[in-house]
Amino acid sequence: QVQLVESGGGLVQPGGSLRLSCAASGIIFNFYNMGWYRQAPGKQRELVAQVTKSGSTNYKDSVKGRFTISRDNAKNTVYLQMNSLKPEDTAVYYCNAANYGSGFWGQGTQVTVSS
């Protein structure tokens, strides 16, 4: 019974901030690389940020300097701090856990950036 539960999405004005959380259960959290993906209507899902089990991070170029991914292994939780949000960031954001080709997805949380 693996579960990834995202929270923290919502409506925000351009330039605003949101922090997304993903709480994982049913996995040995420390064994998994964690990532945030997003998908806008009619577009492909894309990787936004990832943090490996060893703590290394990678970001999509367009979010570098604005987004920060982090993990708290004691809480089995991964976060995405999003600052300086732009309308182009509007999408459903999904949490992903991956380990040796096995992956799990959360239900998604809507982020809308609009004035």
N, C-alpha and C. Protein backbone atom coordinates (compact mmCIF):
# COMPACT_ATOMS: atom_id res chain seq x y z
N GLN A 1 0.82 -1.19 0.00
CA GLN A 1 0.00 0.00 0.00
C GLN A 1 0.87 1.26 0.00
N VAL A 2 1.46 1.50 -1.16
CA VAL A 2 2.28 2.68 -1.33
C VAL A 2 1.39 3.90 -1.53
N GLN A 3 1.71 4.96 -0.86
CA GLN A 3 0.99 6.21 -1.02
C GLN A 3 1.96 7.38 -1.05
N LEU A 4 1.75 8.26 -2.02
CA LEU A 4 2.42 9.54 -2.07
C LEU A 4 1.33 10.59 -2.09
N VAL A 5 1.29 11.42 -1.08
CA VAL A 5 0.21 12.38 -0.92
C VAL A 5 0.78 13.79 -0.97
N GLU A 6 0.42 14.51 -2.03
CA GLU A 6 0.88 15.88 -2.20
C GLU A 6 -0.08 16.86 -1.54
N SER A 7 0.48 17.97 -1.13
CA SER A 7 -0.33 19.06 -0.59
C SER A 7 0.41 20.37 -0.82
N GLY A 8 -0.29 21.47 -0.68
CA GLY A 8 0.32 22.77 -0.75
C GLY A 8 0.06 23.56 -2.01
N GLY A 9 -0.62 22.96 -2.98
CA GLY A 9 -0.94 23.68 -4.19
C GLY A 9 -2.02 24.72 -3.95
N GLY A 10 -2.24 25.54 -4.96
CA GLY A 10 -3.26 26.57 -4.85
C GLY A 10 -3.10 27.63 -5.89
N LEU A 11 -3.82 28.71 -5.69
CA LEU A 11 -3.80 29.86 -6.58
C LEU A 11 -2.90 30.94 -5.99
N VAL A 12 -1.98 31.43 -6.80
CA VAL A 12 -1.05 32.45 -6.34
C VAL A 12 -0.80 33.45 -7.46
N GLN A 13 -0.52 34.68 -7.09
CA GLN A 13 -0.21 35.71 -8.08
C GLN A 13 1.21 35.57 -8.59
N PRO A 14 1.47 36.05 -9.80
CA PRO A 14 2.85 36.06 -10.28
C PRO A 14 3.78 36.73 -9.28
N GLY A 15 4.94 36.11 -9.08
CA GLY A 15 5.89 36.60 -8.11
C GLY A 15 5.71 36.01 -6.73
N GLY A 16 4.63 35.30 -6.51
CA GLY A 16 4.36 34.71 -5.23
C GLY A 16 5.09 33.40 -5.01
N SER A 17 4.82 32.80 -3.86
CA SER A 17 5.50 31.57 -3.46
C SER A 17 4.51 30.53 -2.98
N LEU A 18 4.88 29.28 -3.17
CA LEU A 18 4.17 28.14 -2.62
C LEU A 18 5.18 27.09 -2.20
N ARG A 19 4.82 26.30 -1.22
CA ARG A 19 5.63 25.15 -0.85
C ARG A 19 4.78 23.90 -0.95
N LEU A 20 5.20 23.00 -1.81
CA LEU A 20 4.53 21.72 -1.97
C LEU A 20 5.18 20.68 -1.06
N SER A 21 4.36 19.80 -0.54
CA SER A 21 4.84 18.70 0.29
C SER A 21 4.34 17.39 -0.28
N CYS A 22 5.13 16.36 -0.14
CA CYS A 22 4.75 15.02 -0.55
C CYS A 22 5.14 14.07 0.57
N ALA A 23 4.14 13.50 1.20
CA ALA A 23 4.35 12.55 2.28
C ALA A 23 4.23 11.14 1.74
N ALA A 24 5.27 10.35 1.94
CA ALA A 24 5.33 8.99 1.42
C ALA A 24 5.10 7.97 2.52
N SER A 25 4.41 6.91 2.16
CA SER A 25 4.24 5.78 3.06
C SER A 25 4.26 4.50 2.23
N GLY A 26 4.59 3.40 2.87
CA GLY A 26 4.62 2.12 2.19
C GLY A 26 5.90 1.84 1.42
N ILE A 27 6.88 2.71 1.52
CA ILE A 27 8.18 2.50 0.90
C ILE A 27 9.27 2.76 1.93
N ILE A 28 10.44 2.18 1.67
CA ILE A 28 11.61 2.53 2.46
C ILE A 28 12.15 3.80 1.84
N PHE A 29 11.78 4.91 2.43
CA PHE A 29 11.97 6.21 1.82
C PHE A 29 13.42 6.47 1.44
N ASN A 30 14.34 6.08 2.29
CA ASN A 30 15.75 6.36 2.06
C ASN A 30 16.31 5.67 0.83
N PHE A 31 15.63 4.65 0.32
CA PHE A 31 16.09 3.91 -0.86
C PHE A 31 15.66 4.55 -2.17
N TYR A 32 14.85 5.59 -2.12
CA TYR A 32 14.24 6.15 -3.31
C TYR A 32 14.77 7.52 -3.66
N ASN A 33 14.96 7.72 -4.96
CA ASN A 33 15.12 9.07 -5.49
C ASN A 33 13.73 9.69 -5.60
N MET A 34 13.63 10.95 -5.22
CA MET A 34 12.35 11.63 -5.21
C MET A 34 12.36 12.76 -6.22
N GLY A 35 11.23 12.95 -6.87
CA GLY A 35 11.14 14.00 -7.87
C GLY A 35 9.79 14.68 -7.90
N TRP A 36 9.80 15.88 -8.41
CA TRP A 36 8.58 16.63 -8.70
C TRP A 36 8.47 16.79 -10.21
N TYR A 37 7.33 16.43 -10.73
CA TYR A 37 6.99 16.61 -12.14
C TYR A 37 5.79 17.52 -12.24
N ARG A 38 5.58 18.07 -13.42
CA ARG A 38 4.38 18.86 -13.63
C ARG A 38 3.83 18.61 -15.02
N GLN A 39 2.53 18.82 -15.16
CA GLN A 39 1.87 18.63 -16.44
C GLN A 39 0.78 19.67 -16.61
N ALA A 40 0.91 20.44 -17.66
CA ALA A 40 -0.12 21.40 -18.04
C ALA A 40 -1.08 20.74 -19.01
N PRO A 41 -2.32 21.22 -19.10
CA PRO A 41 -3.29 20.61 -20.01
C PRO A 41 -2.78 20.55 -21.44
N GLY A 42 -2.91 19.37 -22.05
CA GLY A 42 -2.48 19.18 -23.42
C GLY A 42 -0.99 19.06 -23.63
N LYS A 43 -0.22 19.05 -22.55
CA LYS A 43 1.23 18.96 -22.66
C LYS A 43 1.75 17.73 -21.93
N GLN A 44 2.97 17.36 -22.26
CA GLN A 44 3.59 16.20 -21.65
C GLN A 44 4.04 16.52 -20.23
N ARG A 45 4.05 15.49 -19.42
CA ARG A 45 4.58 15.63 -18.08
C ARG A 45 6.09 15.82 -18.15
N GLU A 46 6.60 16.75 -17.35
CA GLU A 46 8.01 17.06 -17.38
C GLU A 46 8.59 17.07 -15.98
N LEU A 47 9.85 16.70 -15.91
CA LEU A 47 10.57 16.73 -14.65
C LEU A 47 10.89 18.16 -14.28
N VAL A 48 10.57 18.54 -13.06
CA VAL A 48 10.85 19.87 -12.55
C VAL A 48 12.10 19.86 -11.68
N ALA A 49 12.15 18.93 -10.76
CA ALA A 49 13.26 18.84 -9.83
C ALA A 49 13.34 17.44 -9.27
N GLN A 50 14.53 17.02 -8.90
CA GLN A 50 14.69 15.74 -8.24
C GLN A 50 15.76 15.84 -7.17
N VAL A 51 15.62 15.02 -6.18
CA VAL A 51 16.63 14.87 -5.15
C VAL A 51 16.87 13.38 -4.97
N THR A 52 18.11 12.97 -5.09
CA THR A 52 18.43 11.55 -5.00
C THR A 52 18.46 11.09 -3.56
N LYS A 53 18.58 9.79 -3.39
CA LYS A 53 18.65 9.24 -2.05
C LYS A 53 19.89 9.70 -1.31
N SER A 54 20.91 10.13 -2.05
CA SER A 54 22.12 10.64 -1.44
C SER A 54 22.10 12.15 -1.23
N GLY A 55 21.04 12.81 -1.70
CA GLY A 55 20.89 14.22 -1.46
C GLY A 55 21.26 15.13 -2.61
N SER A 56 21.71 14.58 -3.73
CA SER A 56 22.02 15.41 -4.89
C SER A 56 20.74 15.93 -5.52
N THR A 57 20.80 17.13 -6.06
CA THR A 57 19.62 17.76 -6.66
C THR A 57 19.86 18.12 -8.10
N ASN A 58 18.79 18.12 -8.88
CA ASN A 58 18.79 18.54 -10.26
C ASN A 58 17.51 19.30 -10.54
N TYR A 59 17.59 20.29 -11.43
CA TYR A 59 16.44 21.14 -11.73
C TYR A 59 16.30 21.35 -13.23
N LYS A 60 15.06 21.49 -13.64
CA LYS A 60 14.78 21.99 -14.98
C LYS A 60 15.35 23.40 -15.08
N ASP A 61 15.94 23.72 -16.22
CA ASP A 61 16.63 24.99 -16.36
C ASP A 61 15.73 26.19 -16.03
N SER A 62 14.49 26.14 -16.42
CA SER A 62 13.61 27.28 -16.26
C SER A 62 13.22 27.55 -14.81
N VAL A 63 13.49 26.62 -13.91
CA VAL A 63 13.15 26.84 -12.51
C VAL A 63 14.38 27.04 -11.63
N LYS A 64 15.56 26.92 -12.20
CA LYS A 64 16.78 27.10 -11.42
C LYS A 64 16.82 28.49 -10.81
N GLY A 65 17.17 28.54 -9.56
CA GLY A 65 17.22 29.80 -8.84
C GLY A 65 15.90 30.23 -8.25
N ARG A 66 14.82 29.56 -8.64
CA ARG A 66 13.50 29.90 -8.13
C ARG A 66 12.91 28.78 -7.27
N PHE A 67 13.17 27.53 -7.64
CA PHE A 67 12.63 26.38 -6.93
C PHE A 67 13.73 25.67 -6.16
N THR A 68 13.37 25.10 -5.04
CA THR A 68 14.29 24.31 -4.24
C THR A 68 13.61 23.02 -3.81
N ILE A 69 14.22 21.89 -4.12
CA ILE A 69 13.71 20.61 -3.67
C ILE A 69 14.53 20.16 -2.47
N SER A 70 13.86 19.55 -1.52
CA SER A 70 14.54 19.05 -0.33
C SER A 70 13.79 17.83 0.18
N ARG A 71 14.45 17.06 1.01
CA ARG A 71 13.81 15.89 1.60
C ARG A 71 14.13 15.81 3.07
N ASP A 72 13.17 15.33 3.82
CA ASP A 72 13.33 15.10 5.24
C ASP A 72 13.09 13.61 5.46
N ASN A 73 14.17 12.86 5.54
CA ASN A 73 14.05 11.41 5.64
C ASN A 73 13.38 10.96 6.93
N ALA A 74 13.53 11.74 7.98
CA ALA A 74 12.89 11.40 9.25
C ALA A 74 11.37 11.49 9.15
N LYS A 75 10.88 12.32 8.23
CA LYS A 75 9.44 12.49 8.05
C LYS A 75 8.92 11.82 6.79
N ASN A 76 9.79 11.14 6.05
CA ASN A 76 9.40 10.52 4.78
C ASN A 76 8.69 11.52 3.86
N THR A 77 9.25 12.70 3.77
CA THR A 77 8.60 13.79 3.06
C THR A 77 9.59 14.51 2.15
N VAL A 78 9.13 14.86 0.97
CA VAL A 78 9.90 15.68 0.05
C VAL A 78 9.14 16.97 -0.19
N TYR A 79 9.87 18.07 -0.33
CA TYR A 79 9.28 19.38 -0.48
C TYR A 79 9.73 20.02 -1.79
N LEU A 80 8.92 20.93 -2.27
CA LEU A 80 9.32 21.80 -3.37
C LEU A 80 8.93 23.22 -3.00
N GLN A 81 9.93 24.01 -2.67
CA GLN A 81 9.72 25.42 -2.41
C GLN A 81 9.77 26.17 -3.73
N MET A 82 8.72 26.88 -4.05
CA MET A 82 8.60 27.58 -5.32
C MET A 82 8.47 29.07 -5.05
N ASN A 83 9.44 29.83 -5.50
CA ASN A 83 9.45 31.27 -5.36
C ASN A 83 9.40 31.93 -6.73
N SER A 84 9.07 33.20 -6.73
CA SER A 84 9.03 33.99 -7.97
C SER A 84 8.23 33.28 -9.05
N LEU A 85 7.06 32.81 -8.68
CA LEU A 85 6.25 32.01 -9.59
C LEU A 85 5.79 32.82 -10.80
N LYS A 86 5.72 32.14 -11.92
CA LYS A 86 5.32 32.72 -13.19
C LYS A 86 4.09 32.00 -13.72
N PRO A 87 3.30 32.66 -14.57
CA PRO A 87 2.15 31.97 -15.16
C PRO A 87 2.53 30.67 -15.86
N GLU A 88 3.72 30.60 -16.42
CA GLU A 88 4.17 29.40 -17.10
C GLU A 88 4.37 28.22 -16.16
N ASP A 89 4.39 28.48 -14.86
CA ASP A 89 4.51 27.41 -13.88
C ASP A 89 3.18 26.73 -13.59
N THR A 90 2.10 27.26 -14.13
CA THR A 90 0.78 26.68 -13.89
C THR A 90 0.71 25.26 -14.43
N ALA A 91 0.36 24.32 -13.57
CA ALA A 91 0.30 22.91 -13.94
C ALA A 91 -0.18 22.11 -12.75
N VAL A 92 -0.45 20.85 -12.99
CA VAL A 92 -0.62 19.90 -11.91
C VAL A 92 0.76 19.35 -11.57
N TYR A 93 1.13 19.42 -10.33
CA TYR A 93 2.43 18.96 -9.87
C TYR A 93 2.29 17.60 -9.21
N TYR A 94 3.16 16.68 -9.62
CA TYR A 94 3.11 15.30 -9.15
C TYR A 94 4.40 14.92 -8.45
N CYS A 95 4.26 14.22 -7.37
CA CYS A 95 5.38 13.66 -6.65
C CYS A 95 5.68 12.27 -7.20
N ASN A 96 6.96 11.94 -7.31
CA ASN A 96 7.39 10.65 -7.82
C ASN A 96 8.48 10.06 -6.95
N ALA A 97 8.38 8.77 -6.71
CA ALA A 97 9.42 8.01 -6.04
C ALA A 97 9.91 6.94 -6.98
N ALA A 98 11.22 6.85 -7.16
CA ALA A 98 11.80 5.91 -8.12
C ALA A 98 12.99 5.19 -7.53
N ASN A 99 13.07 3.90 -7.85
CA ASN A 99 14.17 3.07 -7.40
C ASN A 99 14.34 1.91 -8.37
N TYR A 100 15.44 1.90 -9.11
CA TYR A 100 15.77 0.82 -10.04
C TYR A 100 14.62 0.48 -10.99
N GLY A 101 14.07 1.50 -11.61
CA GLY A 101 13.03 1.32 -12.60
C GLY A 101 11.63 1.21 -12.06
N SER A 102 11.48 1.11 -10.78
CA SER A 102 10.17 1.06 -10.15
C SER A 102 9.79 2.46 -9.71
N GLY A 103 8.58 2.87 -10.04
CA GLY A 103 8.16 4.20 -9.71
C GLY A 103 6.74 4.27 -9.19
N PHE A 104 6.50 5.27 -8.37
CA PHE A 104 5.19 5.52 -7.81
C PHE A 104 4.87 6.99 -7.95
N TRP A 105 3.59 7.27 -8.11
CA TRP A 105 3.12 8.63 -8.32
C TRP A 105 2.09 9.04 -7.29
N GLY A 106 2.12 10.29 -6.94
CA GLY A 106 1.06 10.86 -6.14
C GLY A 106 -0.11 11.26 -7.01
N GLN A 107 -1.14 11.77 -6.38
CA GLN A 107 -2.38 12.11 -7.09
C GLN A 107 -2.30 13.46 -7.80
N GLY A 108 -1.33 14.26 -7.46
CA GLY A 108 -1.16 15.56 -8.06
C GLY A 108 -1.81 16.67 -7.25
N THR A 109 -1.24 17.85 -7.35
CA THR A 109 -1.80 19.03 -6.72
C THR A 109 -1.72 20.19 -7.71
N GLN A 110 -2.80 20.93 -7.83
CA GLN A 110 -2.89 21.99 -8.82
C GLN A 110 -2.19 23.25 -8.33
N VAL A 111 -1.34 23.79 -9.19
CA VAL A 111 -0.71 25.09 -8.96
C VAL A 111 -1.15 26.01 -10.08
N THR A 112 -1.77 27.11 -9.72
CA THR A 112 -2.22 28.09 -10.70
C THR A 112 -1.61 29.44 -10.36
N VAL A 113 -0.89 30.00 -11.31
CA VAL A 113 -0.24 31.30 -11.14
C VAL A 113 -0.94 32.27 -12.08
N SER A 114 -1.67 33.19 -11.50
CA SER A 114 -2.49 34.09 -12.30
C SER A 114 -2.75 35.37 -11.52
N SER A 115 -2.83 36.46 -12.26
CA SER A 115 -3.19 37.74 -11.67
C SER A 115 -4.67 38.02 -11.81
